Amino acid sequence: MKRSLEILGAIIAATIGSGVFALPYIIQRSGWLLSLGYFIALIAIVSIAHILYLRTLETAHEKKTLLGLTREHFKGTGFWVGFFAIVIGLLLGFVGYLVLGSKFISIIFPAIPPPMALAIFWAVIAILIFKSGGSAAVLEIAGVVLISIAIIFIFFSGDPLHLSIGAPLASAKNFFLPFGAVLFSLTGWTSVEQIYEIRRKQGKKKRDLLFFVFGAAFAGLLYWLFSLGVLNSVMSVSADTISSIGVWPVWKKDLVAIVGLLAMGVVAIPLSREIRGALEKELKWNRFTARSFIALAPLALILLGLNNFLVIVSLAGGIFLGVQYILIISIGRNALKLSFRERSMLDFLIILFACFAIYEIAAFIVH
């Protein structure tokens, strides 16, 4: 039981994050049925990719970072493509956390000016980056439990039986819009190396693979409960959700802020662990330099003007995370003995991620 909770907690903790706050807006703009379709499809796809990544590590009989596997399979040019996609992509996640985290601090403590709120939340994230290391299973499970309770409470505090959420079934105009945000919210591949270690030390069990599906599906359920709780209580949702909940009671806004802070604090642990591994193991940076870079780079991007939450989520999800999953799938395709049908399915997924990445570039960079 303890082992199962540790694995499931690691997966959910790596999945739940600030992406939840973009989803009410995405659902309202794109349509609830279309968004639900994206959730179901991407839960299946990311679960396949995570199992593929785990099988790749177990075939190599060695714990390696995704960037290390990229170097091994794709050499020089591929390595630097992987470095850009993995390190910069994961750092964008921290940019999103800082953008929202400062607003959550302002909700709980309205007297604090926005620059000070940003500084406070950045200091908390920096401490997690410098101090977190090794296994954090207890913290991750506790965080997941608290987040789950808070989201369920938000859902039932409104009118849970009134599901007229003010969103169409599907919007042809915004057909591709959910991809980046939904992928950003469901990404949990940073848990795979941790699960590899658990299976190496405690033995392999077939049911472990199902936890990837259960973890992603559970996170998806929490996202929908939160989104319905928001959509049933406001007329129109802002891109970051926060700006549209001003009419809520103070206690409820504080609860949302606490959910956000907990979610970002929990997911910051596996996220920083993966970036540290890439910088310290693959580039041979020393511990202080690597962790200083992880802490300072997101703050620098915000100060340079990257502070639109929807743009951050769409770029991180559609482009950088899309490329990360292309790498995971491509490495697994090269490393494992697969049937023709399995290879064809993986080729289709690679093309799918590439097409959506091109869309995100056209939508958020070119325009």
Protein backbone atom coordinates (compact mmCIF):
# COMPACT_ATOMS: atom_id res chain seq x y z
CA MET A 1 0.00 0.00 0.00
CA LYS A 2 2.76 2.43 0.95
CA ARG A 3 4.63 1.63 -2.27
CA SER A 4 1.51 2.19 -4.40
CA LEU A 5 0.79 5.52 -2.69
CA GLU A 6 4.38 6.60 -3.21
CA ILE A 7 4.23 5.88 -6.96
CA LEU A 8 0.77 7.40 -7.42
CA GLY A 9 1.70 10.42 -5.32
CA ALA A 10 4.83 11.02 -7.41
CA ILE A 11 2.84 10.91 -10.66
CA ILE A 12 0.04 13.21 -9.47
CA ALA A 13 2.46 15.61 -7.79
CA ALA A 14 4.42 15.93 -11.05
CA THR A 15 1.18 16.48 -12.97
CA ILE A 16 -0.80 18.96 -10.89
CA GLY A 17 0.38 22.51 -11.41
CA SER A 18 -0.47 26.02 -12.46
CA GLY A 19 -2.00 24.77 -15.73
CA VAL A 20 -5.27 24.28 -13.87
CA PHE A 21 -5.82 28.06 -13.85
CA ALA A 22 -5.86 28.32 -17.65
CA LEU A 23 -8.41 25.55 -18.10
CA PRO A 24 -11.69 27.34 -17.20
CA TYR A 25 -10.92 29.96 -19.88
CA ILE A 26 -9.90 27.28 -22.40
CA ILE A 27 -13.07 25.28 -21.78
CA GLN A 28 -15.27 28.37 -22.09
CA ARG A 29 -13.61 29.49 -25.33
CA SER A 30 -13.21 26.09 -27.02
CA GLY A 31 -16.27 24.24 -25.78
CA TRP A 32 -16.66 21.71 -23.01
CA LEU A 33 -17.06 18.66 -25.27
CA LEU A 34 -14.04 19.56 -27.40
CA SER A 35 -11.95 20.20 -24.29
CA LEU A 36 -13.08 16.90 -22.78
CA GLY A 37 -12.02 15.15 -25.99
CA TYR A 38 -8.55 16.69 -25.70
CA PHE A 39 -8.32 15.55 -22.09
CA ILE A 40 -9.25 11.95 -22.87
CA ALA A 41 -6.90 11.77 -25.87
CA LEU A 42 -3.94 13.39 -24.09
CA ILE A 43 -4.36 11.33 -20.92
CA ALA A 44 -3.97 8.24 -23.13
CA ILE A 45 -1.06 9.70 -25.12
CA VAL A 46 1.01 10.98 -22.19
CA SER A 47 0.42 7.71 -20.30
CA ILE A 48 1.79 5.77 -23.29
CA ALA A 49 4.78 8.12 -23.45
CA HIS A 50 5.50 7.78 -19.72
CA ILE A 51 5.35 3.97 -19.86
CA LEU A 52 7.62 4.08 -22.92
CA TYR A 53 10.10 6.28 -21.02
CA LEU A 54 10.06 3.92 -18.03
CA ARG A 55 10.64 0.90 -20.27
CA THR A 56 13.54 2.72 -21.93
CA LEU A 57 15.21 3.37 -18.56
CA GLU A 58 14.70 -0.22 -17.49
CA THR A 59 16.15 -1.51 -20.76
CA ALA A 60 19.24 0.61 -20.16
CA HIS A 61 19.40 -0.69 -16.54
CA GLU A 62 20.42 2.80 -15.49
CA LYS A 63 18.71 5.93 -14.25
CA LYS A 64 19.35 8.64 -16.83
CA THR A 65 17.90 12.08 -17.41
CA LEU A 66 15.88 12.70 -20.55
CA LEU A 67 18.65 15.01 -21.73
CA GLY A 68 21.22 12.25 -21.13
CA LEU A 69 19.18 9.82 -23.23
CA THR A 70 18.88 12.48 -25.92
CA ARG A 71 22.69 12.83 -26.03
CA GLU A 72 23.08 9.06 -26.21
CA HIS A 73 20.63 8.56 -29.08
CA PHE A 74 20.89 11.77 -31.11
CA LYS A 75 24.45 12.99 -30.43
CA GLY A 76 25.56 16.63 -30.84
CA THR A 77 22.83 18.54 -32.70
CA GLY A 78 20.07 16.44 -31.19
CA PHE A 79 21.48 17.02 -27.73
CA TRP A 80 21.30 20.81 -28.06
CA VAL A 81 17.78 20.63 -29.49
CA GLY A 82 16.90 18.51 -26.47
CA PHE A 83 18.65 20.91 -24.09
CA PHE A 84 16.67 23.86 -25.43
CA ALA A 85 13.36 21.97 -25.37
CA ILE A 86 13.84 20.38 -21.95
CA VAL A 87 15.63 23.02 -19.90
CA ILE A 88 14.01 26.13 -21.39
CA GLY A 89 10.63 24.42 -21.56
CA LEU A 90 10.71 23.42 -17.90
CA LEU A 91 11.96 26.87 -16.90
CA LEU A 92 8.87 28.33 -18.61
CA GLY A 93 6.86 26.33 -16.11
CA PHE A 94 8.57 28.26 -13.33
CA VAL A 95 7.79 31.53 -15.16
CA GLY A 96 4.11 30.59 -15.07
CA TYR A 97 4.38 29.77 -11.36
CA LEU A 98 5.90 33.17 -10.58
CA VAL A 99 3.26 35.03 -12.62
CA LEU A 100 0.41 33.33 -10.76
CA GLY A 101 2.13 32.91 -7.40
CA SER A 102 2.59 36.65 -6.95
CA LYS A 103 -1.15 37.14 -7.61
CA PHE A 104 -2.02 34.49 -5.03
CA ILE A 105 0.15 36.25 -2.46
CA SER A 106 -1.70 39.50 -3.26
CA ILE A 107 -5.08 37.76 -2.81
CA ILE A 108 -4.18 36.45 0.64
CA PHE A 109 -2.35 39.64 1.66
CA PRO A 110 -3.95 42.48 -0.36
CA ALA A 111 -1.86 45.15 1.38
CA ILE A 112 1.33 43.78 -0.17
CA PRO A 113 2.21 45.59 -3.44
CA PRO A 114 2.62 43.35 -6.57
CA PRO A 115 6.44 43.72 -6.82
CA MET A 116 6.82 42.67 -3.20
CA ALA A 117 4.42 39.75 -3.73
CA LEU A 118 6.54 38.60 -6.68
CA ALA A 119 9.71 38.87 -4.57
CA ILE A 120 8.15 36.84 -1.73
CA PHE A 121 6.93 34.04 -3.96
CA TRP A 122 10.19 33.97 -5.89
CA ALA A 123 12.04 33.56 -2.59
CA VAL A 124 9.84 30.57 -1.68
CA ILE A 125 10.43 28.91 -5.06
CA ALA A 126 14.18 29.62 -4.80
CA ILE A 127 14.30 27.90 -1.41
CA LEU A 128 12.56 24.83 -2.86
CA ILE A 129 15.05 24.80 -5.74
CA PHE A 130 18.09 25.02 -3.48
CA LYS A 131 16.91 22.84 -0.61
CA SER A 132 14.76 20.11 -2.15
CA GLY A 133 16.58 16.95 -3.04
CA GLY A 134 16.22 13.21 -2.96
CA SER A 135 12.84 11.66 -2.23
CA ALA A 136 10.00 13.95 -1.20
CA ALA A 137 7.26 11.32 -1.25
CA VAL A 138 5.61 12.35 2.04
CA LEU A 139 5.51 16.02 1.05
CA GLU A 140 4.16 15.16 -2.41
CA ILE A 141 1.38 12.91 -1.07
CA ALA A 142 0.41 15.45 1.60
CA GLY A 143 0.29 18.21 -1.01
CA VAL A 144 -1.86 16.13 -3.36
CA VAL A 145 -4.32 15.30 -0.55
CA LEU A 146 -4.66 18.96 0.49
CA ILE A 147 -5.08 20.16 -3.09
CA SER A 148 -7.72 17.49 -3.76
CA ILE A 149 -9.73 18.42 -0.66
CA ALA A 150 -9.60 22.12 -1.50
CA ILE A 151 -10.68 21.62 -5.13
CA ILE A 152 -13.57 19.34 -4.14
CA PHE A 153 -14.65 21.95 -1.60
CA ILE A 154 -14.54 24.69 -4.26
CA PHE A 155 -16.67 22.53 -6.56
CA PHE A 156 -19.35 21.80 -3.97
CA SER A 157 -19.36 25.32 -2.53
CA GLY A 158 -21.14 26.55 -5.63
CA ASP A 159 -24.02 24.82 -7.39
CA PRO A 160 -22.57 21.46 -8.47
CA LEU A 161 -25.85 20.20 -9.98
CA HIS A 162 -26.20 23.27 -12.20
CA LEU A 163 -23.89 22.34 -15.05
CA SER A 164 -24.91 25.07 -17.49
CA ILE A 165 -21.34 26.33 -17.67
CA GLY A 166 -21.80 28.98 -20.35
CA ALA A 167 -19.61 27.15 -22.85
CA PRO A 168 -20.57 25.73 -26.27
CA LEU A 169 -20.14 22.07 -27.13
CA ALA A 170 -17.28 22.93 -29.47
CA SER A 171 -15.90 25.99 -31.21
CA ALA A 172 -14.50 25.44 -34.70
CA LYS A 173 -12.69 28.78 -34.44
CA ASN A 174 -10.77 27.62 -31.36
CA PHE A 175 -10.46 23.96 -32.32
CA PHE A 176 -6.70 23.76 -31.67
CA LEU A 177 -6.62 26.13 -28.68
CA PRO A 178 -6.91 23.49 -25.92
CA PHE A 179 -3.87 21.44 -26.96
CA GLY A 180 -1.09 23.48 -25.35
CA ALA A 181 -2.95 24.21 -22.12
CA VAL A 182 -4.24 20.65 -21.66
CA LEU A 183 -0.82 19.13 -22.38
CA PHE A 184 0.78 21.61 -19.96
CA SER A 185 -1.70 20.57 -17.28
CA LEU A 186 -1.26 16.81 -17.80
CA THR A 187 2.50 16.60 -18.23
CA GLY A 188 4.08 14.40 -15.59
CA TRP A 189 7.10 12.78 -17.23
CA THR A 190 9.41 14.23 -14.58
CA SER A 191 8.06 11.53 -12.22
CA VAL A 192 9.29 8.65 -14.39
CA GLU A 193 12.90 8.64 -13.13
CA GLN A 194 11.62 8.62 -9.53
CA ILE A 195 9.34 5.65 -10.30
CA TYR A 196 12.23 3.86 -12.01
CA GLU A 197 14.19 4.14 -8.75
CA ILE A 198 11.26 2.80 -6.71
CA ARG A 199 10.89 -0.21 -9.04
CA ARG A 200 14.64 -0.82 -9.04
CA LYS A 201 14.81 -0.91 -5.23
CA GLN A 202 11.44 -2.48 -4.40
CA GLY A 203 10.78 -4.72 -7.40
CA LYS A 204 8.69 -4.41 -10.54
CA LYS A 205 4.94 -4.92 -10.55
CA LYS A 206 2.70 -4.83 -13.64
CA ARG A 207 0.13 -2.65 -11.91
CA ASP A 208 2.75 0.12 -11.60
CA LEU A 209 2.18 0.91 -15.29
CA LEU A 210 -1.54 1.47 -14.69
CA PHE A 211 -0.69 4.16 -12.15
CA PHE A 212 0.42 6.41 -15.02
CA VAL A 213 -3.12 6.28 -16.39
CA PHE A 214 -4.75 6.56 -12.95
CA GLY A 215 -2.51 9.49 -12.00
CA ALA A 216 -3.20 11.47 -15.17
CA ALA A 217 -6.93 10.67 -15.01
CA PHE A 218 -7.13 11.70 -11.34
CA ALA A 219 -5.37 14.99 -12.10
CA GLY A 220 -7.74 15.50 -15.05
CA LEU A 221 -10.75 14.92 -12.77
CA LEU A 222 -9.47 17.51 -10.31
CA TYR A 223 -8.97 19.97 -13.17
CA TRP A 224 -12.55 19.50 -14.34
CA LEU A 225 -14.00 19.85 -10.84
CA PHE A 226 -12.06 23.08 -10.40
CA SER A 227 -13.07 24.37 -13.86
CA LEU A 228 -16.75 23.59 -13.27
CA GLY A 229 -16.57 25.24 -9.87
CA VAL A 230 -15.24 28.42 -11.52
CA LEU A 231 -17.45 28.38 -14.62
CA ASN A 232 -20.63 27.90 -12.57
CA SER A 233 -19.86 30.91 -10.40
CA VAL A 234 -18.72 33.67 -12.81
CA MET A 235 -20.15 35.11 -16.00
CA SER A 236 -16.89 35.32 -17.91
CA VAL A 237 -13.50 33.79 -17.15
CA SER A 238 -10.17 35.53 -17.61
CA ALA A 239 -7.17 33.73 -19.13
CA ASP A 240 -5.61 33.18 -15.70
CA THR A 241 -8.94 32.66 -13.82
CA ILE A 242 -7.76 34.90 -10.97
CA SER A 243 -8.87 38.21 -12.49
CA SER A 244 -12.44 36.93 -12.86
CA ILE A 245 -13.12 35.77 -9.29
CA GLY A 246 -13.30 39.23 -7.71
CA VAL A 247 -17.00 38.70 -6.91
CA TRP A 248 -16.26 35.63 -4.80
CA PRO A 249 -16.30 35.79 -1.00
CA VAL A 250 -12.92 36.48 0.56
CA TRP A 251 -12.66 33.00 2.09
CA LYS A 252 -13.23 31.35 -1.29
CA LYS A 253 -10.65 33.52 -3.05
CA ASP A 254 -8.18 32.71 -0.28
CA LEU A 255 -8.90 29.00 -0.76
CA VAL A 256 -8.18 29.28 -4.49
CA ALA A 257 -4.93 31.08 -3.70
CA ILE A 258 -3.93 28.37 -1.23
CA VAL A 259 -4.72 25.67 -3.83
CA GLY A 260 -2.51 27.48 -6.31
CA LEU A 261 0.38 27.92 -3.92
CA LEU A 262 0.20 24.27 -2.82
CA ALA A 263 0.03 23.02 -6.41
CA MET A 264 3.04 25.03 -7.50
CA GLY A 265 5.04 24.20 -4.39
CA VAL A 266 4.45 20.46 -4.89
CA VAL A 267 5.23 20.37 -8.61
CA ALA A 268 8.29 22.61 -8.20
CA ILE A 269 10.11 19.70 -6.52
CA PRO A 270 10.14 17.19 -9.44
CA LEU A 271 10.48 20.03 -11.95
CA SER A 272 13.60 21.47 -10.33
CA ARG A 273 14.98 17.95 -9.84
CA GLU A 274 14.84 17.32 -13.60
CA ILE A 275 16.44 20.64 -14.57
CA ARG A 276 19.16 20.17 -11.95
CA GLY A 277 19.88 16.73 -13.36
CA ALA A 278 20.23 18.14 -16.88
CA LEU A 279 22.57 20.95 -15.82
CA GLU A 280 24.63 19.13 -13.18
CA LYS A 281 24.92 15.69 -14.79
CA GLU A 282 24.95 16.50 -18.50
CA LEU A 283 26.61 19.95 -18.63
CA LYS A 284 28.73 19.36 -15.50
CA TRP A 285 27.68 22.64 -13.89
CA ASN A 286 28.41 22.83 -10.19
CA ARG A 287 25.53 22.66 -7.74
CA PHE A 288 25.40 26.36 -6.86
CA THR A 289 25.63 27.60 -10.47
CA ALA A 290 22.92 25.22 -11.70
CA ARG A 291 20.47 26.05 -8.93
CA SER A 292 21.15 29.78 -9.19
CA PHE A 293 20.37 29.63 -12.90
CA ILE A 294 17.11 27.75 -12.28
CA ALA A 295 16.05 30.31 -9.68
CA LEU A 296 17.11 33.49 -11.52
CA ALA A 297 16.26 32.74 -15.19
CA PRO A 298 12.44 32.69 -14.74
CA LEU A 299 12.54 35.93 -12.74
CA ALA A 300 14.63 37.55 -15.47
CA LEU A 301 12.10 36.50 -18.15
CA ILE A 302 9.25 38.07 -16.17
CA LEU A 303 11.19 41.32 -15.69
CA LEU A 304 11.82 41.33 -19.46
CA GLY A 305 8.05 41.28 -20.08
CA LEU A 306 7.04 37.61 -20.36
CA ASN A 307 4.04 37.80 -18.03
CA ASN A 308 0.99 36.75 -20.10
CA PHE A 309 -0.10 33.50 -18.45
CA LEU A 310 -2.01 32.06 -21.43
CA VAL A 311 0.92 32.73 -23.77
CA ILE A 312 3.32 31.09 -21.31
CA VAL A 313 1.11 28.00 -20.94
CA SER A 314 0.51 27.69 -24.68
CA LEU A 315 4.20 28.08 -25.57
CA ALA A 316 5.37 25.73 -22.81
CA GLY A 317 2.69 23.16 -23.56
CA GLY A 318 2.35 23.29 -27.32
CA ILE A 319 5.97 23.84 -28.35
CA PHE A 320 8.45 22.92 -25.63
CA LEU A 321 6.49 20.09 -24.03
CA GLY A 322 5.49 18.90 -27.49
CA VAL A 323 9.17 18.59 -28.42
CA GLN A 324 9.91 16.89 -25.08
CA TYR A 325 7.33 14.22 -25.86
CA ILE A 326 8.68 13.84 -29.39
CA LEU A 327 12.08 13.14 -27.79
CA ILE A 328 10.62 10.64 -25.30
CA ILE A 329 8.76 8.78 -28.03
CA SER A 330 11.67 8.88 -30.49
CA ILE A 331 14.14 7.59 -27.90
CA GLY A 332 11.79 4.79 -26.90
CA ARG A 333 11.26 3.90 -30.56
CA ASN A 334 15.03 3.61 -31.03
CA ALA A 335 15.81 1.81 -27.77
CA LEU A 336 13.05 -0.80 -27.57
CA LYS A 337 12.20 -3.81 -29.69
CA LEU A 338 8.78 -2.92 -31.04
CA SER A 339 6.42 -4.40 -33.59
CA PHE A 340 5.64 -2.64 -36.87
CA ARG A 341 2.23 -1.62 -35.55
CA GLU A 342 3.77 -0.15 -32.38
CA ARG A 343 6.34 1.79 -34.38
CA SER A 344 3.64 3.09 -36.71
CA MET A 345 1.57 4.27 -33.74
CA LEU A 346 4.58 6.08 -32.27
CA ASP A 347 5.34 7.67 -35.66
CA PHE A 348 1.76 8.97 -35.75
CA LEU A 349 2.17 10.51 -32.27
CA ILE A 350 5.43 12.18 -33.31
CA ILE A 351 3.72 13.73 -36.35
CA LEU A 352 0.78 14.80 -34.16
CA PHE A 353 3.00 16.60 -31.64
CA ALA A 354 4.97 18.23 -34.47
CA CYS A 355 1.80 19.56 -36.12
CA PHE A 356 0.52 21.07 -32.89
CA ALA A 357 3.93 22.63 -32.19
CA ILE A 358 3.78 24.30 -35.61
CA TYR A 359 0.29 25.59 -34.79
CA GLU A 360 1.46 27.08 -31.49
CA ILE A 361 4.39 28.79 -33.25
CA ALA A 362 2.01 30.29 -35.81
CA ALA A 363 -0.56 31.32 -33.23
CA PHE A 364 1.60 32.75 -30.45
CA ILE A 365 4.92 33.71 -32.05
CA VAL A 366 4.25 34.64 -35.68
CA HIS A 367 1.08 36.51 -34.76
